[in-house]
Amino acid sequence: DTTFRLGASGHIAGIISPPSKKKAVWWGTEPGMPNPADPDAWLAAAPKHEGSWWPDWTAWLERRSAVKVPAPSQLGSAEHAPLGDAPGSYVRERC
């Protein structure tokens, strides 16, 4: 069974812009719904949704995730010291 989402916008509107922007549109199918191999047939059969797909994805993740645990107050451990502050020194490296 497959859950599939297709966003109508590029990465800015579909991924980077938060749900509060209300500019995105997406289509999606759930397990048990028609899932044609032909992209045009799939798009014609898939329900269209206004807004961000983030809330839908969050609900999908929550149904499949374990209980949330609080984040540690300190990074690292006696065995594994933190490498450094975010975003990390590798961000500034030039290749």
PDB file of N, CA and C in Angstrom:
ATOM      1  N   ASP A   1       0.838  -1.188   0.000  1.00  0.00           N
ATOM      2  CA  ASP A   1       0.000   0.000   0.000  1.00  0.00           C
ATOM      3  C   ASP A   1       0.874   1.240   0.000  1.00  0.00           C
ATOM      4  N   THR A   2       0.429   2.247  -0.752  1.00  0.00           N
ATOM      5  CA  THR A   2       1.246   3.440  -0.937  1.00  0.00           C
ATOM      6  C   THR A   2       0.469   4.700  -0.584  1.00  0.00           C
ATOM      7  N   THR A   3       1.128   5.610   0.102  1.00  0.00           N
ATOM      8  CA  THR A   3       0.636   6.968   0.307  1.00  0.00           C
ATOM      9  C   THR A   3       1.548   7.852  -0.522  1.00  0.00           C
ATOM     10  N   PHE A   4       0.951   8.678  -1.398  1.00  0.00           N
ATOM     11  CA  PHE A   4       1.765   9.503  -2.289  1.00  0.00           C
ATOM     12  C   PHE A   4       1.242  10.925  -2.279  1.00  0.00           C
ATOM     13  N   ARG A   5       2.159  11.889  -2.270  1.00  0.00           N
ATOM     14  CA  ARG A   5       1.823  13.308  -2.325  1.00  0.00           C
ATOM     15  C   ARG A   5       2.574  13.960  -3.475  1.00  0.00           C
ATOM     16  N   LEU A   6       1.874  14.825  -4.196  1.00  0.00           N
ATOM     17  CA  LEU A   6       2.471  15.576  -5.300  1.00  0.00           C
ATOM     18  C   LEU A   6       2.179  17.046  -5.078  1.00  0.00           C
ATOM     19  N   GLY A   7       3.219  17.847  -4.951  1.00  0.00           N
ATOM     20  CA  GLY A   7       3.056  19.282  -4.774  1.00  0.00           C
ATOM     21  C   GLY A   7       3.021  19.988  -6.113  1.00  0.00           C
ATOM     22  N   ALA A   8       2.231  21.064  -6.196  1.00  0.00           N
ATOM     23  CA  ALA A   8       2.086  21.801  -7.446  1.00  0.00           C
ATOM     24  C   ALA A   8       3.166  22.853  -7.623  1.00  0.00           C
ATOM     25  N   SER A   9       3.869  23.181  -6.569  1.00  0.00           N
ATOM     26  CA  SER A   9       4.845  24.267  -6.631  1.00  0.00           C
ATOM     27  C   SER A   9       6.262  23.736  -6.565  1.00  0.00           C
ATOM     28  N   GLY A  10       7.185  24.618  -6.791  1.00  0.00           N
ATOM     29  CA  GLY A  10       8.590  24.276  -6.648  1.00  0.00           C
ATOM     30  C   GLY A  10       8.962  24.144  -5.185  1.00  0.00           C
ATOM     31  N   HIS A  11      10.246  24.014  -4.925  1.00  0.00           N
ATOM     32  CA  HIS A  11      10.688  23.746  -3.558  1.00  0.00           C
ATOM     33  C   HIS A  11      10.441  24.910  -2.600  1.00  0.00           C
ATOM     34  N   ILE A  12      10.363  26.136  -3.086  1.00  0.00           N
ATOM     35  CA  ILE A  12      10.134  27.263  -2.182  1.00  0.00           C
ATOM     36  C   ILE A  12       8.723  27.199  -1.601  1.00  0.00           C
ATOM     37  N   ALA A  13       7.706  27.134  -2.443  1.00  0.00           N
ATOM     38  CA  ALA A  13       6.324  27.101  -1.955  1.00  0.00           C
ATOM     39  C   ALA A  13       5.966  25.757  -1.351  1.00  0.00           C
ATOM     40  N   GLY A  14       6.521  24.680  -1.893  1.00  0.00           N
ATOM     41  CA  GLY A  14       6.123  23.353  -1.443  1.00  0.00           C
ATOM     42  C   GLY A  14       6.855  22.830  -0.240  1.00  0.00           C
ATOM     43  N   ILE A  15       8.093  23.239  -0.037  1.00  0.00           N
ATOM     44  CA  ILE A  15       8.893  22.665   1.047  1.00  0.00           C
ATOM     45  C   ILE A  15       9.340  23.727   2.042  1.00  0.00           C
ATOM     46  N   ILE A  16       9.841  24.847   1.562  1.00  0.00           N
ATOM     47  CA  ILE A  16      10.451  25.832   2.453  1.00  0.00           C
ATOM     48  C   ILE A  16       9.419  26.739   3.112  1.00  0.00           C
ATOM     49  N   SER A  17       8.412  27.197   2.359  1.00  0.00           N
ATOM     50  CA  SER A  17       7.413  28.091   2.943  1.00  0.00           C
ATOM     51  C   SER A  17       6.570  27.339   3.966  1.00  0.00           C
ATOM     52  N   PRO A  18       6.370  27.915   5.150  1.00  0.00           N
ATOM     53  CA  PRO A  18       5.585  27.231   6.181  1.00  0.00           C
ATOM     54  C   PRO A  18       4.105  27.163   5.813  1.00  0.00           C
ATOM     55  N   PRO A  19       3.358  26.266   6.460  1.00  0.00           N
ATOM     56  CA  PRO A  19       1.933  26.111   6.162  1.00  0.00           C
ATOM     57  C   PRO A  19       1.134  27.396   6.316  1.00  0.00           C
ATOM     58  N   SER A  20       1.579  28.316   7.144  1.00  0.00           N
ATOM     59  CA  SER A  20       0.841  29.560   7.361  1.00  0.00           C
ATOM     60  C   SER A  20       0.757  30.426   6.108  1.00  0.00           C
ATOM     61  N   LYS A  21       1.618  30.182   5.122  1.00  0.00           N
ATOM     62  CA  LYS A  21       1.616  30.993   3.903  1.00  0.00           C
ATOM     63  C   LYS A  21       0.392  30.720   3.034  1.00  0.00           C
ATOM     64  N   LYS A  22      -0.200  29.545   3.117  1.00  0.00           N
ATOM     65  CA  LYS A  22      -1.436  29.180   2.408  1.00  0.00           C
ATOM     66  C   LYS A  22      -1.350  29.378   0.898  1.00  0.00           C
ATOM     67  N   LYS A  23      -0.174  29.198   0.307  1.00  0.00           N
ATOM     68  CA  LYS A  23      -0.026  29.386  -1.133  1.00  0.00           C
ATOM     69  C   LYS A  23       0.053  28.067  -1.892  1.00  0.00           C
ATOM     70  N   ALA A  24       0.273  26.983  -1.208  1.00  0.00           N
ATOM     71  CA  ALA A  24       0.551  25.714  -1.876  1.00  0.00           C
ATOM     72  C   ALA A  24      -0.728  24.953  -2.230  1.00  0.00           C
ATOM     73  N   VAL A  25      -0.576  24.040  -3.172  1.00  0.00           N
ATOM     74  CA  VAL A  25      -1.620  23.094  -3.572  1.00  0.00           C
ATOM     75  C   VAL A  25      -0.938  21.749  -3.730  1.00  0.00           C
ATOM     76  N   TRP A  26      -1.624  20.672  -3.337  1.00  0.00           N
ATOM     77  CA  TRP A  26      -1.054  19.342  -3.511  1.00  0.00           C
ATOM     78  C   TRP A  26      -2.158  18.324  -3.767  1.00  0.00           C
ATOM     79  N   TRP A  27      -1.765  17.207  -4.341  1.00  0.00           N
ATOM     80  CA  TRP A  27      -2.658  16.089  -4.597  1.00  0.00           C
ATOM     81  C   TRP A  27      -2.126  14.891  -3.831  1.00  0.00           C
ATOM     82  N   GLY A  28      -3.022  13.994  -3.439  1.00  0.00           N
ATOM     83  CA  GLY A  28      -2.546  12.836  -2.698  1.00  0.00           C
ATOM     84  C   GLY A  28      -3.461  11.639  -2.804  1.00  0.00           C
ATOM     85  N   THR A  29      -2.855  10.469  -2.735  1.00  0.00           N
ATOM     86  CA  THR A  29      -3.615   9.225  -2.678  1.00  0.00           C
ATOM     87  C   THR A  29      -3.205   8.450  -1.437  1.00  0.00           C
ATOM     88  N   GLU A  30      -4.144   7.678  -0.930  1.00  0.00           N
ATOM     89  CA  GLU A  30      -3.959   6.866   0.266  1.00  0.00           C
ATOM     90  C   GLU A  30      -3.969   5.392  -0.122  1.00  0.00           C
ATOM     91  N   PRO A  31      -3.496   4.521   0.760  1.00  0.00           N
ATOM     92  CA  PRO A  31      -3.598   3.084   0.492  1.00  0.00           C
ATOM     93  C   PRO A  31      -5.050   2.702   0.201  1.00  0.00           C
ATOM     94  N   GLY A  32      -5.226   1.888  -0.818  1.00  0.00           N
ATOM     95  CA  GLY A  32      -6.559   1.446  -1.209  1.00  0.00           C
ATOM     96  C   GLY A  32      -7.204   2.310  -2.279  1.00  0.00           C
ATOM     97  N   MET A  33      -6.670   3.501  -2.527  1.00  0.00           N
ATOM     98  CA  MET A  33      -7.210   4.359  -3.581  1.00  0.00           C
ATOM     99  C   MET A  33      -6.582   3.970  -4.910  1.00  0.00           C
ATOM    100  N   PRO A  34      -7.240   4.317  -6.023  1.00  0.00           N
ATOM    101  CA  PRO A  34      -6.622   4.049  -7.324  1.00  0.00           C
ATOM    102  C   PRO A  34      -5.258   4.729  -7.408  1.00  0.00           C
ATOM    103  N   ASN A  35      -4.298   4.016  -7.947  1.00  0.00           N
ATOM    104  CA  ASN A  35      -2.937   4.533  -8.065  1.00  0.00           C
ATOM    105  C   ASN A  35      -2.410   4.181  -9.456  1.00  0.00           C
ATOM    106  N   PRO A  36      -2.996   4.784 -10.503  1.00  0.00           N
ATOM    107  CA  PRO A  36      -2.603   4.428 -11.869  1.00  0.00           C
ATOM    108  C   PRO A  36      -1.133   4.707 -12.140  1.00  0.00           C
ATOM    109  N   ALA A  37      -0.540   3.897 -12.994  1.00  0.00           N
ATOM    110  CA  ALA A  37       0.864   4.081 -13.377  1.00  0.00           C
ATOM    111  C   ALA A  37       1.034   5.294 -14.280  1.00  0.00           C
ATOM    112  N   ASP A  38       0.021   5.619 -15.068  1.00  0.00           N
ATOM    113  CA  ASP A  38       0.089   6.775 -15.966  1.00  0.00           C
ATOM    114  C   ASP A  38      -0.057   8.057 -15.142  1.00  0.00           C
ATOM    115  N   PRO A  39       0.906   8.977 -15.233  1.00  0.00           N
ATOM    116  CA  PRO A  39       0.859  10.184 -14.397  1.00  0.00           C
ATOM    117  C   PRO A  39      -0.389  11.036 -14.613  1.00  0.00           C
ATOM    118  N   ASP A  40      -0.838  11.161 -15.855  1.00  0.00           N
ATOM    119  CA  ASP A  40      -2.032  11.970 -16.114  1.00  0.00           C
ATOM    120  C   ASP A  40      -3.274  11.328 -15.511  1.00  0.00           C
ATOM    121  N   ALA A  41      -3.361  10.000 -15.592  1.00  0.00           N
ATOM    122  CA  ALA A  41      -4.492   9.286 -14.990  1.00  0.00           C
ATOM    123  C   ALA A  41      -4.436   9.399 -13.468  1.00  0.00           C
ATOM    124  N   TRP A  42      -3.224   9.330 -12.911  1.00  0.00           N
ATOM    125  CA  TRP A  42      -3.089   9.471 -11.459  1.00  0.00           C
ATOM    126  C   TRP A  42      -3.574  10.844 -11.012  1.00  0.00           C
ATOM    127  N   LEU A  43      -3.128  11.892 -11.708  1.00  0.00           N
ATOM    128  CA  LEU A  43      -3.503  13.256 -11.341  1.00  0.00           C
ATOM    129  C   LEU A  43      -5.010  13.455 -11.448  1.00  0.00           C
ATOM    130  N   ALA A  44      -5.629  12.881 -12.474  1.00  0.00           N
ATOM    131  CA  ALA A  44      -7.078  13.003 -12.642  1.00  0.00           C
ATOM    132  C   ALA A  44      -7.840  12.302 -11.514  1.00  0.00           C
ATOM    133  N   ALA A  45      -7.276  11.217 -10.977  1.00  0.00           N
ATOM    134  CA  ALA A  45      -7.956  10.439  -9.933  1.00  0.00           C
ATOM    135  C   ALA A  45      -7.659  10.937  -8.519  1.00  0.00           C
ATOM    136  N   ALA A  46      -6.553  11.647  -8.336  1.00  0.00           N
ATOM    137  CA  ALA A  46      -6.128  12.052  -6.987  1.00  0.00           C
ATOM    138  C   ALA A  46      -6.895  13.283  -6.513  1.00  0.00           C
ATOM    139  N   PRO A  47      -7.332  13.295  -5.251  1.00  0.00           N
ATOM    140  CA  PRO A  47      -7.981  14.486  -4.702  1.00  0.00           C
ATOM    141  C   PRO A  47      -6.995  15.657  -4.594  1.00  0.00           C
ATOM    142  N   LYS A  48      -7.482  16.859  -4.904  1.00  0.00           N
ATOM    143  CA  LYS A  48      -6.674  18.079  -4.812  1.00  0.00           C
ATOM    144  C   LYS A  48      -6.906  18.716  -3.442  1.00  0.00           C
ATOM    145  N   HIS A  49      -5.836  19.190  -2.815  1.00  0.00           N
ATOM    146  CA  HIS A  49      -5.906  19.818  -1.498  1.00  0.00           C
ATOM    147  C   HIS A  49      -5.279  21.206  -1.566  1.00  0.00           C
ATOM    148  N   GLU A  50      -5.945  22.188  -0.987  1.00  0.00           N
ATOM    149  CA  GLU A  50      -5.414  23.550  -0.899  1.00  0.00           C
ATOM    150  C   GLU A  50      -4.546  23.659   0.352  1.00  0.00           C
ATOM    151  N   GLY A  51      -3.460  24.393   0.256  1.00  0.00           N
ATOM    152  CA  GLY A  51      -2.591  24.613   1.402  1.00  0.00           C
ATOM    153  C   GLY A  51      -1.407  23.666   1.413  1.00  0.00           C
ATOM    154  N   SER A  52      -0.661  23.733   2.473  1.00  0.00           N
ATOM    155  CA  SER A  52       0.568  22.957   2.619  1.00  0.00           C
ATOM    156  C   SER A  52       0.277  21.486   2.886  1.00  0.00           C
ATOM    157  N   TRP A  53       1.184  20.633   2.419  1.00  0.00           N
ATOM    158  CA  TRP A  53       1.087  19.201   2.728  1.00  0.00           C
ATOM    159  C   TRP A  53       1.764  18.874   4.055  1.00  0.00           C
ATOM    160  N   TRP A  54       2.394  19.849   4.688  1.00  0.00           N
ATOM    161  CA  TRP A  54       3.082  19.614   5.966  1.00  0.00           C
ATOM    162  C   TRP A  54       2.177  19.005   7.034  1.00  0.00           C
ATOM    163  N   PRO A  55       0.955  19.566   7.305  1.00  0.00           N
ATOM    164  CA  PRO A  55       0.116  18.966   8.351  1.00  0.00           C
ATOM    165  C   PRO A  55      -0.244  17.508   8.046  1.00  0.00           C
ATOM    166  N   ASP A  56      -0.474  17.201   6.790  1.00  0.00           N
ATOM    167  CA  ASP A  56      -0.779  15.823   6.402  1.00  0.00           C
ATOM    168  C   ASP A  56       0.423  14.920   6.659  1.00  0.00           C
ATOM    169  N   TRP A  57       1.608  15.392   6.314  1.00  0.00           N
ATOM    170  CA  TRP A  57       2.834  14.617   6.528  1.00  0.00           C
ATOM    171  C   TRP A  57       3.095  14.417   8.022  1.00  0.00           C
ATOM    172  N   THR A  58       2.865  15.481   8.802  1.00  0.00           N
ATOM    173  CA  THR A  58       3.049  15.383  10.248  1.00  0.00           C
ATOM    174  C   THR A  58       2.138  14.311  10.837  1.00  0.00           C
ATOM    175  N   ALA A  59       0.870  14.299  10.420  1.00  0.00           N
ATOM    176  CA  ALA A  59      -0.068  13.278  10.909  1.00  0.00           C
ATOM    177  C   ALA A  59       0.380  11.884  10.488  1.00  0.00           C
ATOM    178  N   TRP A  60       0.881  11.750   9.255  1.00  0.00           N
ATOM    179  CA  TRP A  60       1.371  10.453   8.754  1.00  0.00           C
ATOM    180  C   TRP A  60       2.541   9.976   9.612  1.00  0.00           C
ATOM    181  N   LEU A  61       3.476  10.887   9.909  1.00  0.00           N
ATOM    182  CA  LEU A  61       4.628  10.532  10.742  1.00  0.00           C
ATOM    183  C   LEU A  61       4.203  10.151  12.160  1.00  0.00           C
ATOM    184  N   GLU A  62       3.274  10.914  12.730  1.00  0.00           N
ATOM    185  CA  GLU A  62       2.834  10.640  14.098  1.00  0.00           C
ATOM    186  C   GLU A  62       2.189   9.266  14.225  1.00  0.00           C
ATOM    187  N   ARG A  63       1.437   8.844  13.202  1.00  0.00           N
ATOM    188  CA  ARG A  63       0.807   7.517  13.237  1.00  0.00           C
ATOM    189  C   ARG A  63       1.842   6.403  13.206  1.00  0.00           C
ATOM    190  N   ARG A  64       3.042   6.689  12.744  1.00  0.00           N
ATOM    191  CA  ARG A  64       4.073   5.667  12.592  1.00  0.00           C
ATOM    192  C   ARG A  64       5.245   5.840  13.561  1.00  0.00           C
ATOM    193  N   SER A  65       5.154   6.796  14.450  1.00  0.00           N
ATOM    194  CA  SER A  65       6.275   7.117  15.334  1.00  0.00           C
ATOM    195  C   SER A  65       6.037   6.617  16.753  1.00  0.00           C
ATOM    196  N   ALA A  66       7.129   6.464  17.460  1.00  0.00           N
ATOM    197  CA  ALA A  66       7.063   6.096  18.874  1.00  0.00           C
ATOM    198  C   ALA A  66       6.675   7.327  19.692  1.00  0.00           C
ATOM    199  N   VAL A  67       6.534   7.138  20.959  1.00  0.00           N
ATOM    200  CA  VAL A  67       6.199   8.231  21.864  1.00  0.00           C
ATOM    201  C   VAL A  67       7.319   9.270  21.835  1.00  0.00           C
ATOM    202  N   LYS A  68       6.933  10.550  21.846  1.00  0.00           N
ATOM    203  CA  LYS A  68       7.934  11.616  21.855  1.00  0.00           C
ATOM    204  C   LYS A  68       8.665  11.632  23.192  1.00  0.00           C
ATOM    205  N   VAL A  69       9.951  11.918  23.124  1.00  0.00           N
ATOM    206  CA  VAL A  69      10.761  12.056  24.336  1.00  0.00           C
ATOM    207  C   VAL A  69      11.377  13.453  24.330  1.00  0.00           C
ATOM    208  N   PRO A  70      11.583  14.037  25.495  1.00  0.00           N
ATOM    209  CA  PRO A  70      12.178  15.370  25.516  1.00  0.00           C
ATOM    210  C   PRO A  70      13.614  15.345  24.995  1.00  0.00           C
ATOM    211  N   ALA A  71      14.000  16.439  24.369  1.00  0.00           N
ATOM    212  CA  ALA A  71      15.375  16.566  23.880  1.00  0.00           C
ATOM    213  C   ALA A  71      16.317  16.661  25.073  1.00  0.00           C
ATOM    214  N   PRO A  72      17.539  16.162  24.926  1.00  0.00           N
ATOM    215  CA  PRO A  72      18.488  16.257  26.041  1.00  0.00           C
ATOM    216  C   PRO A  72      18.838  17.722  26.322  1.00  0.00           C
ATOM    217  N   SER A  73      19.089  18.022  27.590  1.00  0.00           N
ATOM    218  CA  SER A  73      19.438  19.400  27.947  1.00  0.00           C
ATOM    219  C   SER A  73      20.878  19.728  27.567  1.00  0.00           C
ATOM    220  N   GLN A  74      21.724  18.703  27.453  1.00  0.00           N
ATOM    221  CA  GLN A  74      23.107  18.895  27.031  1.00  0.00           C
ATOM    222  C   GLN A  74      23.424  17.914  25.914  1.00  0.00           C
ATOM    223  N   LEU A  75      24.198  18.376  24.958  1.00  0.00           N
ATOM    224  CA  LEU A  75      24.593  17.508  23.854  1.00  0.00           C
ATOM    225  C   LEU A  75      25.802  16.676  24.234  1.00  0.00           C
ATOM    226  N   GLY A  76      25.939  15.542  23.583  1.00  0.00           N
ATOM    227  CA  GLY A  76      27.088  14.683  23.812  1.00  0.00           C
ATOM    228  C   GLY A  76      26.923  13.811  25.042  1.00  0.00           C
ATOM    229  N   SER A  77      27.947  13.010  25.281  1.00  0.00           N
ATOM    230  CA  SER A  77      27.974  12.118  26.444  1.00  0.00           C
ATOM    231  C   SER A  77      29.430  11.920  26.848  1.00  0.00           C
ATOM    232  N   ALA A  78      29.653  11.118  27.878  1.00  0.00           N
ATOM    233  CA  ALA A  78      31.026  10.832  28.301  1.00  0.00           C
ATOM    234  C   ALA A  78      31.797  10.143  27.186  1.00  0.00           C
ATOM    235  N   GLU A  79      31.095   9.368  26.396  1.00  0.00           N
ATOM    236  CA  GLU A  79      31.743   8.623  25.310  1.00  0.00           C
ATOM    237  C   GLU A  79      31.817   9.417  24.004  1.00  0.00           C
ATOM    238  N   HIS A  80      30.838  10.278  23.763  1.00  0.00           N
ATOM    239  CA  HIS A  80      30.776  11.019  22.497  1.00  0.00           C
ATOM    240  C   HIS A  80      30.596  12.505  22.775  1.00  0.00           C
ATOM    241  N   ALA A  81      31.674  13.251  22.737  1.00  0.00           N
ATOM    242  CA  ALA A  81      31.611  14.696  22.961  1.00  0.00           C
ATOM    243  C   ALA A  81      30.995  15.384  21.744  1.00  0.00           C
ATOM    244  N   PRO A  82      30.310  16.518  21.944  1.00  0.00           N
ATOM    245  CA  PRO A  82      29.779  17.254  20.797  1.00  0.00           C
ATOM    246  C   PRO A  82      30.921  17.746  19.914  1.00  0.00           C
ATOM    247  N   LEU A  83      30.671  17.792  18.620  1.00  0.00           N
ATOM    248  CA  LEU A  83      31.703  18.239  17.681  1.00  0.00           C
ATOM    249  C   LEU A  83      31.840  19.750  17.660  1.00  0.00           C
ATOM    250  N   GLY A  84      30.774  20.472  17.954  1.00  0.00           N
ATOM    251  CA  GLY A  84      30.813  21.926  17.938  1.00  0.00           C
ATOM    252  C   GLY A  84      29.408  22.487  17.855  1.00  0.00           C
ATOM    253  N   ASP A  85      29.323  23.810  17.912  1.00  0.00           N
ATOM    254  CA  ASP A  85      28.026  24.470  17.827  1.00  0.00           C
ATOM    255  C   ASP A  85      27.460  24.363  16.417  1.00  0.00           C
ATOM    256  N   ALA A  86      26.142  24.418  16.326  1.00  0.00           N
ATOM    257  CA  ALA A  86      25.467  24.441  15.027  1.00  0.00           C
ATOM    258  C   ALA A  86      25.803  25.754  14.338  1.00  0.00           C
ATOM    259  N   PRO A  87      25.910  25.811  13.059  1.00  0.00           N
ATOM    260  CA  PRO A  87      25.574  24.760  12.106  1.00  0.00           C
ATOM    261  C   PRO A  87      26.697  23.771  11.853  1.00  0.00           C
ATOM    262  N   GLY A  88      27.821  23.915  12.474  1.00  0.00           N
ATOM    263  CA  GLY A  88      28.949  23.006  12.262  1.00  0.00           C
ATOM    264  C   GLY A  88      30.005  23.643  11.384  1.00  0.00           C
ATOM    265  N   SER A  89      31.264  23.329  11.658  1.00  0.00           N
ATOM    266  CA  SER A  89      32.365  23.940  10.902  1.00  0.00           C
ATOM    267  C   SER A  89      32.378  23.496   9.445  1.00  0.00           C
ATOM    268  N   TYR A  90      31.806  22.315   9.155  1.00  0.00           N
ATOM    269  CA  TYR A  90      31.822  21.830   7.771  1.00  0.00           C
ATOM    270  C   TYR A  90      31.033  22.746   6.841  1.00  0.00           C
ATOM    271  N   VAL A  91      30.107  23.523   7.394  1.00  0.00           N
ATOM    272  CA  VAL A  91      29.306  24.424   6.569  1.00  0.00           C
ATOM    273  C   VAL A  91      30.191  25.480   5.919  1.00  0.00           C
ATOM    274  N   ARG A  92      31.265  25.834   6.569  1.00  0.00           N
ATOM    275  CA  ARG A  92      32.153  26.883   6.060  1.00  0.00           C
ATOM    276  C   ARG A  92      33.286  26.346   5.194  1.00  0.00           C
ATOM    277  N   GLU A  93      33.387  25.044   5.062  1.00  0.00           N
ATOM    278  CA  GLU A  93      34.461  24.452   4.257  1.00  0.00           C
ATOM    279  C   GLU A  93      34.190  24.652   2.772  1.00  0.00           C
ATOM    280  N   ARG A  94      35.253  24.912   2.038  1.00  0.00           N
ATOM    281  CA  ARG A  94      35.144  25.029   0.578  1.00  0.00           C
ATOM    282  C   ARG A  94      35.737  23.783  -0.044  1.00  0.00           C
ATOM    283  N   CYS A  95      35.053  23.298  -1.034  1.00  0.00           N
ATOM    284  CA  CYS A  95      35.530  22.086  -1.720  1.00  0.00           C
ATOM    285  C   CYS A  95      36.346  22.435  -2.940  1.00  0.00           C
TER     286      CYS A  95
END
